[in-house]
Amino acid sequence: LSHLGRAPFMRLDKWLKNSRLIKRRTIANEACDAGKITANGRVVKASYEVKSGDLLELTFGERVTRVKVLSVQEIVGKADAAGMYEEMR
């Protein structure tokens, strides 16, 4: 189903870890459970299927990070992780 290690979508918790926006999947899960992450304006669970074009908003304390999903990749090197999203203002 996946070609060249790219799937059309991926679980949110896994995507957050792969993109290095959140270091560990367990922390990504906790953030989702606490309602700190939205996709396209809606609060989403860790099982949400992320796809290219999604607008994610991560809230950590006072800091809000908004990103647009550019790619969904199973295997990502540290150098390529930042290429999975574009930071929005």
PDB file of N, CA and C in Angstrom:
ATOM      1  N   LEU A   1       0.822  -1.190   0.000  1.00  0.00           N
ATOM      2  CA  LEU A   1       0.000   0.000   0.000  1.00  0.00           C
ATOM      3  C   LEU A   1       0.864   1.251   0.000  1.00  0.00           C
ATOM      4  N   SER A   2       1.941   1.223   0.812  1.00  0.00           N
ATOM      5  CA  SER A   2       2.781   2.432   0.814  1.00  0.00           C
ATOM      6  C   SER A   2       3.851   2.290  -0.262  1.00  0.00           C
ATOM      7  N   HIS A   3       4.203   3.409  -0.847  1.00  0.00           N
ATOM      8  CA  HIS A   3       5.221   3.401  -1.881  1.00  0.00           C
ATOM      9  C   HIS A   3       6.355   4.316  -1.440  1.00  0.00           C
ATOM     10  N   LEU A   4       7.577   3.828  -1.537  1.00  0.00           N
ATOM     11  CA  LEU A   4       8.761   4.589  -1.130  1.00  0.00           C
ATOM     12  C   LEU A   4       8.675   5.053   0.323  1.00  0.00           C
ATOM     13  N   GLY A   5       8.084   4.200   1.191  1.00  0.00           N
ATOM     14  CA  GLY A   5       8.011   4.532   2.604  1.00  0.00           C
ATOM     15  C   GLY A   5       7.057   5.669   2.923  1.00  0.00           C
ATOM     16  N   ARG A   6       6.234   6.060   1.960  1.00  0.00           N
ATOM     17  CA  ARG A   6       5.263   7.132   2.214  1.00  0.00           C
ATOM     18  C   ARG A   6       3.870   6.534   2.262  1.00  0.00           C
ATOM     19  N   ALA A   7       3.152   6.844   3.309  1.00  0.00           N
ATOM     20  CA  ALA A   7       1.760   6.427   3.403  1.00  0.00           C
ATOM     21  C   ALA A   7       0.920   7.689   3.221  1.00  0.00           C
ATOM     22  N   PRO A   8      -0.324   7.543   2.752  1.00  0.00           N
ATOM     23  CA  PRO A   8      -1.141   8.729   2.569  1.00  0.00           C
ATOM     24  C   PRO A   8      -1.499   9.388   3.909  1.00  0.00           C
ATOM     25  N   PHE A   9      -1.508   8.600   4.994  1.00  0.00           N
ATOM     26  CA  PHE A   9      -1.794   9.163   6.307  1.00  0.00           C
ATOM     27  C   PHE A   9      -1.103   8.355   7.389  1.00  0.00           C
ATOM     28  N   MET A  10      -1.059   8.914   8.581  1.00  0.00           N
ATOM     29  CA  MET A  10      -0.371   8.293   9.702  1.00  0.00           C
ATOM     30  C   MET A  10      -1.029   8.775  10.989  1.00  0.00           C
ATOM     31  N   ARG A  11      -0.999   7.941  12.009  1.00  0.00           N
ATOM     32  CA  ARG A  11      -1.524   8.352  13.322  1.00  0.00           C
ATOM     33  C   ARG A  11      -0.818   9.618  13.782  1.00  0.00           C
ATOM     34  N   LEU A  12      -1.593  10.509  14.389  1.00  0.00           N
ATOM     35  CA  LEU A  12      -1.055  11.783  14.848  1.00  0.00           C
ATOM     36  C   LEU A  12       0.116  11.620  15.815  1.00  0.00           C
ATOM     37  N   ASP A  13      -0.012  10.725  16.792  1.00  0.00           N
ATOM     38  CA  ASP A  13       1.068  10.568  17.772  1.00  0.00           C
ATOM     39  C   ASP A  13       2.371  10.141  17.102  1.00  0.00           C
ATOM     40  N   LYS A  14       2.250   9.250  16.136  1.00  0.00           N
ATOM     41  CA  LYS A  14       3.449   8.778  15.417  1.00  0.00           C
ATOM     42  C   LYS A  14       4.029   9.890  14.539  1.00  0.00           C
ATOM     43  N   TRP A  15       3.154  10.640  13.865  1.00  0.00           N
ATOM     44  CA  TRP A  15       3.627  11.733  13.007  1.00  0.00           C
ATOM     45  C   TRP A  15       4.377  12.775  13.835  1.00  0.00           C
ATOM     46  N   LEU A  16       3.837  13.124  15.002  1.00  0.00           N
ATOM     47  CA  LEU A  16       4.478  14.117  15.861  1.00  0.00           C
ATOM     48  C   LEU A  16       5.871  13.659  16.275  1.00  0.00           C
ATOM     49  N   LYS A  17       6.004  12.363  16.558  1.00  0.00           N
ATOM     50  CA  LYS A  17       7.314  11.836  16.924  1.00  0.00           C
ATOM     51  C   LYS A  17       8.251  11.830  15.706  1.00  0.00           C
ATOM     52  N   ASN A  18       7.761  11.344  14.580  1.00  0.00           N
ATOM     53  CA  ASN A  18       8.594  11.275  13.372  1.00  0.00           C
ATOM     54  C   ASN A  18       9.059  12.657  12.923  1.00  0.00           C
ATOM     55  N   SER A  19       8.202  13.655  13.093  1.00  0.00           N
ATOM     56  CA  SER A  19       8.538  15.013  12.666  1.00  0.00           C
ATOM     57  C   SER A  19       9.437  15.717  13.683  1.00  0.00           C
ATOM     58  N   ARG A  20       9.633  15.062  14.839  1.00  0.00           N
ATOM     59  CA  ARG A  20      10.443  15.604  15.950  1.00  0.00           C
ATOM     60  C   ARG A  20       9.806  16.834  16.611  1.00  0.00           C
ATOM     61  N   LEU A  21       8.533  17.089  16.330  1.00  0.00           N
ATOM     62  CA  LEU A  21       7.854  18.192  17.029  1.00  0.00           C
ATOM     63  C   LEU A  21       7.662  17.816  18.498  1.00  0.00           C
ATOM     64  N   ILE A  22       7.460  16.520  18.734  1.00  0.00           N
ATOM     65  CA  ILE A  22       7.409  15.988  20.099  1.00  0.00           C
ATOM     66  C   ILE A  22       8.378  14.809  20.124  1.00  0.00           C
ATOM     67  N   LYS A  23       9.216  14.765  21.153  1.00  0.00           N
ATOM     68  CA  LYS A  23      10.314  13.795  21.172  1.00  0.00           C
ATOM     69  C   LYS A  23       9.879  12.342  21.314  1.00  0.00           C
ATOM     70  N   ARG A  24       8.840  12.107  22.137  1.00  0.00           N
ATOM     71  CA  ARG A  24       8.428  10.719  22.368  1.00  0.00           C
ATOM     72  C   ARG A  24       6.943  10.534  22.120  1.00  0.00           C
ATOM     73  N   ARG A  25       6.595   9.356  21.628  1.00  0.00           N
ATOM     74  CA  ARG A  25       5.204   9.070  21.287  1.00  0.00           C
ATOM     75  C   ARG A  25       4.296   9.119  22.513  1.00  0.00           C
ATOM     76  N   THR A  26       4.826   8.695  23.672  1.00  0.00           N
ATOM     77  CA  THR A  26       4.006   8.728  24.892  1.00  0.00           C
ATOM     78  C   THR A  26       3.635  10.166  25.239  1.00  0.00           C
ATOM     79  N   ILE A  27       4.564  11.085  25.046  1.00  0.00           N
ATOM     80  CA  ILE A  27       4.305  12.499  25.325  1.00  0.00           C
ATOM     81  C   ILE A  27       3.295  13.050  24.312  1.00  0.00           C
ATOM     82  N   ALA A  28       3.418  12.626  23.063  1.00  0.00           N
ATOM     83  CA  ALA A  28       2.459  13.029  22.029  1.00  0.00           C
ATOM     84  C   ALA A  28       1.056  12.553  22.414  1.00  0.00           C
ATOM     85  N   ASN A  29       0.978  11.312  22.903  1.00  0.00           N
ATOM     86  CA  ASN A  29      -0.310  10.764  23.344  1.00  0.00           C
ATOM     87  C   ASN A  29      -0.909  11.578  24.469  1.00  0.00           C
ATOM     88  N   GLU A  30      -0.076  11.923  25.463  1.00  0.00           N
ATOM     89  CA  GLU A  30      -0.560  12.711  26.603  1.00  0.00           C
ATOM     90  C   GLU A  30      -1.041  14.086  26.150  1.00  0.00           C
ATOM     91  N   ALA A  31      -0.316  14.708  25.228  1.00  0.00           N
ATOM     92  CA  ALA A  31      -0.709  16.025  24.722  1.00  0.00           C
ATOM     93  C   ALA A  31      -2.067  15.935  24.021  1.00  0.00           C
ATOM     94  N   CYS A  32      -2.264  14.872  23.247  1.00  0.00           N
ATOM     95  CA  CYS A  32      -3.542  14.676  22.552  1.00  0.00           C
ATOM     96  C   CYS A  32      -4.669  14.457  23.562  1.00  0.00           C
ATOM     97  N   ASP A  33      -4.412  13.610  24.565  1.00  0.00           N
ATOM     98  CA  ASP A  33      -5.431  13.319  25.570  1.00  0.00           C
ATOM     99  C   ASP A  33      -5.817  14.572  26.341  1.00  0.00           C
ATOM    100  N   ALA A  34      -4.858  15.473  26.533  1.00  0.00           N
ATOM    101  CA  ALA A  34      -5.106  16.701  27.285  1.00  0.00           C
ATOM    102  C   ALA A  34      -5.746  17.794  26.422  1.00  0.00           C
ATOM    103  N   GLY A  35      -6.008  17.494  25.138  1.00  0.00           N
ATOM    104  CA  GLY A  35      -6.665  18.451  24.261  1.00  0.00           C
ATOM    105  C   GLY A  35      -5.760  19.580  23.809  1.00  0.00           C
ATOM    106  N   LYS A  36      -4.451  19.358  23.827  1.00  0.00           N
ATOM    107  CA  LYS A  36      -3.483  20.404  23.484  1.00  0.00           C
ATOM    108  C   LYS A  36      -3.146  20.456  21.995  1.00  0.00           C
ATOM    109  N   ILE A  37      -3.744  19.554  21.213  1.00  0.00           N
ATOM    110  CA  ILE A  37      -3.417  19.506  19.789  1.00  0.00           C
ATOM    111  C   ILE A  37      -4.699  19.554  18.960  1.00  0.00           C
ATOM    112  N   THR A  38      -4.711  20.471  17.987  1.00  0.00           N
ATOM    113  CA  THR A  38      -5.854  20.535  17.086  1.00  0.00           C
ATOM    114  C   THR A  38      -5.379  20.291  15.657  1.00  0.00           C
ATOM    115  N   ALA A  39      -6.286  19.752  14.853  1.00  0.00           N
ATOM    116  CA  ALA A  39      -6.042  19.572  13.427  1.00  0.00           C
ATOM    117  C   ALA A  39      -7.179  20.280  12.710  1.00  0.00           C
ATOM    118  N   ASN A  40      -6.820  21.227  11.864  1.00  0.00           N
ATOM    119  CA  ASN A  40      -7.812  21.973  11.091  1.00  0.00           C
ATOM    120  C   ASN A  40      -8.886  22.579  11.996  1.00  0.00           C
ATOM    121  N   GLY A  41      -8.455  23.066  13.166  1.00  0.00           N
ATOM    122  CA  GLY A  41      -9.363  23.755  14.059  1.00  0.00           C
ATOM    123  C   GLY A  41     -10.138  22.891  15.035  1.00  0.00           C
ATOM    124  N   ARG A  42      -9.977  21.564  14.966  1.00  0.00           N
ATOM    125  CA  ARG A  42     -10.688  20.670  15.882  1.00  0.00           C
ATOM    126  C   ARG A  42      -9.695  19.956  16.801  1.00  0.00           C
ATOM    127  N   VAL A  43     -10.064  19.803  18.076  1.00  0.00           N
ATOM    128  CA  VAL A  43      -9.238  19.018  18.992  1.00  0.00           C
ATOM    129  C   VAL A  43      -9.291  17.573  18.520  1.00  0.00           C
ATOM    130  N   VAL A  44      -8.124  16.939  18.452  1.00  0.00           N
ATOM    131  CA  VAL A  44      -8.074  15.569  17.923  1.00  0.00           C
ATOM    132  C   VAL A  44      -7.357  14.622  18.888  1.00  0.00           C
ATOM    133  N   LYS A  45      -7.679  13.346  18.741  1.00  0.00           N
ATOM    134  CA  LYS A  45      -7.062  12.280  19.530  1.00  0.00           C
ATOM    135  C   LYS A  45      -5.765  11.830  18.862  1.00  0.00           C
ATOM    136  N   ALA A  46      -4.993  11.030  19.587  1.00  0.00           N
ATOM    137  CA  ALA A  46      -3.729  10.502  19.072  1.00  0.00           C
ATOM    138  C   ALA A  46      -3.942   9.621  17.843  1.00  0.00           C
ATOM    139  N   SER A  47      -5.137   9.054  17.719  1.00  0.00           N
ATOM    140  CA  SER A  47      -5.427   8.153  16.597  1.00  0.00           C
ATOM    141  C   SER A  47      -5.826   8.904  15.324  1.00  0.00           C
ATOM    142  N   TYR A  48      -5.937  10.232  15.399  1.00  0.00           N
ATOM    143  CA  TYR A  48      -6.287  11.037  14.222  1.00  0.00           C
ATOM    144  C   TYR A  48      -5.314  10.729  13.081  1.00  0.00           C
ATOM    145  N   GLU A  49      -5.839  10.590  11.885  1.00  0.00           N
ATOM    146  CA  GLU A  49      -4.988  10.278  10.727  1.00  0.00           C
ATOM    147  C   GLU A  49      -4.523  11.559  10.045  1.00  0.00           C
ATOM    148  N   VAL A  50      -3.248  11.858  10.222  1.00  0.00           N
ATOM    149  CA  VAL A  50      -2.644  13.060   9.646  1.00  0.00           C
ATOM    150  C   VAL A  50      -2.416  12.846   8.164  1.00  0.00           C
ATOM    151  N   LYS A  51      -2.698  13.875   7.360  1.00  0.00           N
ATOM    152  CA  LYS A  51      -2.378  13.794   5.931  1.00  0.00           C
ATOM    153  C   LYS A  51      -1.810  15.132   5.467  1.00  0.00           C
ATOM    154  N   SER A  52      -1.144  15.114   4.337  1.00  0.00           N
ATOM    155  CA  SER A  52      -0.563  16.337   3.788  1.00  0.00           C
ATOM    156  C   SER A  52      -1.633  17.409   3.667  1.00  0.00           C
ATOM    157  N   GLY A  53      -1.270  18.629   4.062  1.00  0.00           N
ATOM    158  CA  GLY A  53      -2.204  19.738   3.970  1.00  0.00           C
ATOM    159  C   GLY A  53      -2.900  20.061   5.282  1.00  0.00           C
ATOM    160  N   ASP A  54      -2.868  19.127   6.245  1.00  0.00           N
ATOM    161  CA  ASP A  54      -3.484  19.389   7.543  1.00  0.00           C
ATOM    162  C   ASP A  54      -2.782  20.555   8.234  1.00  0.00           C
ATOM    163  N   LEU A  55      -3.556  21.351   8.942  1.00  0.00           N
ATOM    164  CA  LEU A  55      -3.003  22.428   9.760  1.00  0.00           C
ATOM    165  C   LEU A  55      -3.104  21.999  11.210  1.00  0.00           C
ATOM    166  N   LEU A  56      -1.959  21.838  11.850  1.00  0.00           N
ATOM    167  CA  LEU A  56      -1.923  21.391  13.238  1.00  0.00           C
ATOM    168  C   LEU A  56      -1.537  22.546  14.139  1.00  0.00           C
ATOM    169  N   GLU A  57      -2.102  22.550  15.328  1.00  0.00           N
ATOM    170  CA  GLU A  57      -1.756  23.551  16.323  1.00  0.00           C
ATOM    171  C   GLU A  57      -1.433  22.825  17.622  1.00  0.00           C
ATOM    172  N   LEU A  58      -0.222  23.057  18.145  1.00  0.00           N
ATOM    173  CA  LEU A  58       0.235  22.414  19.364  1.00  0.00           C
ATOM    174  C   LEU A  58       0.390  23.480  20.434  1.00  0.00           C
ATOM    175  N   THR A  59      -0.235  23.246  21.576  1.00  0.00           N
ATOM    176  CA  THR A  59      -0.164  24.214  22.670  1.00  0.00           C
ATOM    177  C   THR A  59       0.632  23.621  23.821  1.00  0.00           C
ATOM    178  N   PHE A  60       1.742  24.275  24.160  1.00  0.00           N
ATOM    179  CA  PHE A  60       2.566  23.862  25.293  1.00  0.00           C
ATOM    180  C   PHE A  60       2.706  25.061  26.199  1.00  0.00           C
ATOM    181  N   GLY A  61       1.973  25.067  27.304  1.00  0.00           N
ATOM    182  CA  GLY A  61       1.991  26.211  28.198  1.00  0.00           C
ATOM    183  C   GLY A  61       1.515  27.448  27.451  1.00  0.00           C
ATOM    184  N   GLU A  62       2.369  28.474  27.418  1.00  0.00           N
ATOM    185  CA  GLU A  62       2.017  29.727  26.735  1.00  0.00           C
ATOM    186  C   GLU A  62       2.350  29.681  25.245  1.00  0.00           C
ATOM    187  N   ARG A  63       3.128  28.671  24.850  1.00  0.00           N
ATOM    188  CA  ARG A  63       3.631  28.622  23.484  1.00  0.00           C
ATOM    189  C   ARG A  63       2.697  27.844  22.564  1.00  0.00           C
ATOM    190  N   VAL A  64       2.334  28.451  21.460  1.00  0.00           N
ATOM    191  CA  VAL A  64       1.499  27.769  20.473  1.00  0.00           C
ATOM    192  C   VAL A  64       2.307  27.636  19.192  1.00  0.00           C
ATOM    193  N   THR A  65       2.404  26.417  18.698  1.00  0.00           N
ATOM    194  CA  THR A  65       3.123  26.160  17.449  1.00  0.00           C
ATOM    195  C   THR A  65       2.109  25.740  16.406  1.00  0.00           C
ATOM    196  N   ARG A  66       2.109  26.452  15.268  1.00  0.00           N
ATOM    197  CA  ARG A  66       1.212  26.113  14.170  1.00  0.00           C
ATOM    198  C   ARG A  66       2.046  25.598  13.006  1.00  0.00           C
ATOM    199  N   VAL A  67       1.665  24.438  12.501  1.00  0.00           N
ATOM    200  CA  VAL A  67       2.397  23.871  11.371  1.00  0.00           C
ATOM    201  C   VAL A  67       1.433  23.339  10.322  1.00  0.00           C
ATOM    202  N   LYS A  68       1.921  23.365   9.088  1.00  0.00           N
ATOM    203  CA  LYS A  68       1.190  22.745   7.982  1.00  0.00           C
ATOM    204  C   LYS A  68       1.936  21.461   7.633  1.00  0.00           C
ATOM    205  N   VAL A  69       1.202  20.360   7.569  1.00  0.00           N
ATOM    206  CA  VAL A  69       1.801  19.071   7.243  1.00  0.00           C
ATOM    207  C   VAL A  69       2.156  19.042   5.756  1.00  0.00           C
ATOM    208  N   LEU A  70       3.440  18.806   5.462  1.00  0.00           N
ATOM    209  CA  LEU A  70       3.881  18.733   4.064  1.00  0.00           C
ATOM    210  C   LEU A  70       4.023  17.298   3.593  1.00  0.00           C
ATOM    211  N   SER A  71       4.404  16.413   4.511  1.00  0.00           N
ATOM    212  CA  SER A  71       4.527  15.014   4.120  1.00  0.00           C
ATOM    213  C   SER A  71       4.319  14.100   5.313  1.00  0.00           C
ATOM    214  N   VAL A  72       3.978  12.855   4.988  1.00  0.00           N
ATOM    215  CA  VAL A  72       3.750  11.819   5.982  1.00  0.00           C
ATOM    216  C   VAL A  72       4.704  10.697   5.622  1.00  0.00           C
ATOM    217  N   GLN A  73       5.703  10.480   6.462  1.00  0.00           N
ATOM    218  CA  GLN A  73       6.709   9.465   6.151  1.00  0.00           C
ATOM    219  C   GLN A  73       6.930   8.536   7.328  1.00  0.00           C
ATOM    220  N   GLU A  74       7.004   7.237   7.012  1.00  0.00           N
ATOM    221  CA  GLU A  74       7.244   6.226   8.036  1.00  0.00           C
ATOM    222  C   GLU A  74       8.645   6.360   8.605  1.00  0.00           C
ATOM    223  N   ILE A  75       9.617   6.475   7.717  1.00  0.00           N
ATOM    224  CA  ILE A  75      11.013   6.485   8.143  1.00  0.00           C
ATOM    225  C   ILE A  75      11.630   7.824   7.786  1.00  0.00           C
ATOM    226  N   VAL A  76      12.090   8.536   8.805  1.00  0.00           N
ATOM    227  CA  VAL A  76      12.605   9.885   8.599  1.00  0.00           C
ATOM    228  C   VAL A  76      13.898  10.054   9.371  1.00  0.00           C
ATOM    229  N   GLY A  77      14.924  10.543   8.693  1.00  0.00           N
ATOM    230  CA  GLY A  77      16.168  10.851   9.383  1.00  0.00           C
ATOM    231  C   GLY A  77      16.009  12.173  10.098  1.00  0.00           C
ATOM    232  N   LYS A  78      16.854  12.384  11.092  1.00  0.00           N
ATOM    233  CA  LYS A  78      16.761  13.616  11.882  1.00  0.00           C
ATOM    234  C   LYS A  78      16.861  14.856  10.984  1.00  0.00           C
ATOM    235  N   ALA A  79      17.732  14.809   9.995  1.00  0.00           N
ATOM    236  CA  ALA A  79      17.947  15.960   9.111  1.00  0.00           C
ATOM    237  C   ALA A  79      16.711  16.264   8.259  1.00  0.00           C
ATOM    238  N   ASP A  80      15.912  15.236   7.976  1.00  0.00           N
ATOM    239  CA  ASP A  80      14.753  15.414   7.098  1.00  0.00           C
ATOM    240  C   ASP A  80      13.459  15.699   7.851  1.00  0.00           C
ATOM    241  N   ALA A  81      13.490  15.518   9.173  1.00  0.00           N
ATOM    242  CA  ALA A  81      12.258  15.630   9.957  1.00  0.00           C
ATOM    243  C   ALA A  81      11.587  16.991   9.793  1.00  0.00           C
ATOM    244  N   ALA A  82      12.383  18.068   9.796  1.00  0.00           N
ATOM    245  CA  ALA A  82      11.812  19.414   9.685  1.00  0.00           C
ATOM    246  C   ALA A  82      11.142  19.624   8.331  1.00  0.00           C
ATOM    247  N   GLY A  83      11.481  18.827   7.335  1.00  0.00           N
ATOM    248  CA  GLY A  83      10.875  18.928   6.015  1.00  0.00           C
ATOM    249  C   GLY A  83       9.472  18.348   5.952  1.00  0.00           C
ATOM    250  N   MET A  84       9.031  17.716   7.039  1.00  0.00           N
ATOM    251  CA  MET A  84       7.702  17.110   7.071  1.00  0.00           C
ATOM    252  C   MET A  84       6.622  18.157   7.330  1.00  0.00           C
ATOM    253  N   TYR A  85       7.046  19.360   7.741  1.00  0.00           N
ATOM    254  CA  TYR A  85       6.061  20.398   8.034  1.00  0.00           C
ATOM    255  C   TYR A  85       6.637  21.767   7.749  1.00  0.00           C
ATOM    256  N   GLU A  86       5.754  22.729   7.666  1.00  0.00           N
ATOM    257  CA  GLU A  86       6.141  24.129   7.465  1.00  0.00           C
ATOM    258  C   GLU A  86       5.543  24.898   8.627  1.00  0.00           C
ATOM    259  N   GLU A  87       6.381  25.649   9.325  1.00  0.00           N
ATOM    260  CA  GLU A  87       5.870  26.427  10.455  1.00  0.00           C
ATOM    261  C   GLU A  87       5.071  27.614   9.940  1.00  0.00           C
ATOM    262  N   MET A  88       3.897  27.829  10.528  1.00  0.00           N
ATOM    263  CA  MET A  88       3.010  28.908  10.117  1.00  0.00           C
ATOM    264  C   MET A  88       3.072  30.012  11.174  1.00  0.00           C
ATOM    265  N   ARG A  89       2.751  31.217  10.787  1.00  0.00           N
ATOM    266  CA  ARG A  89       2.728  32.325  11.753  1.00  0.00           C
ATOM    267  C   ARG A  89       1.310  32.560  12.235  1.00  0.00           C
TER     268      ARG A  89
END
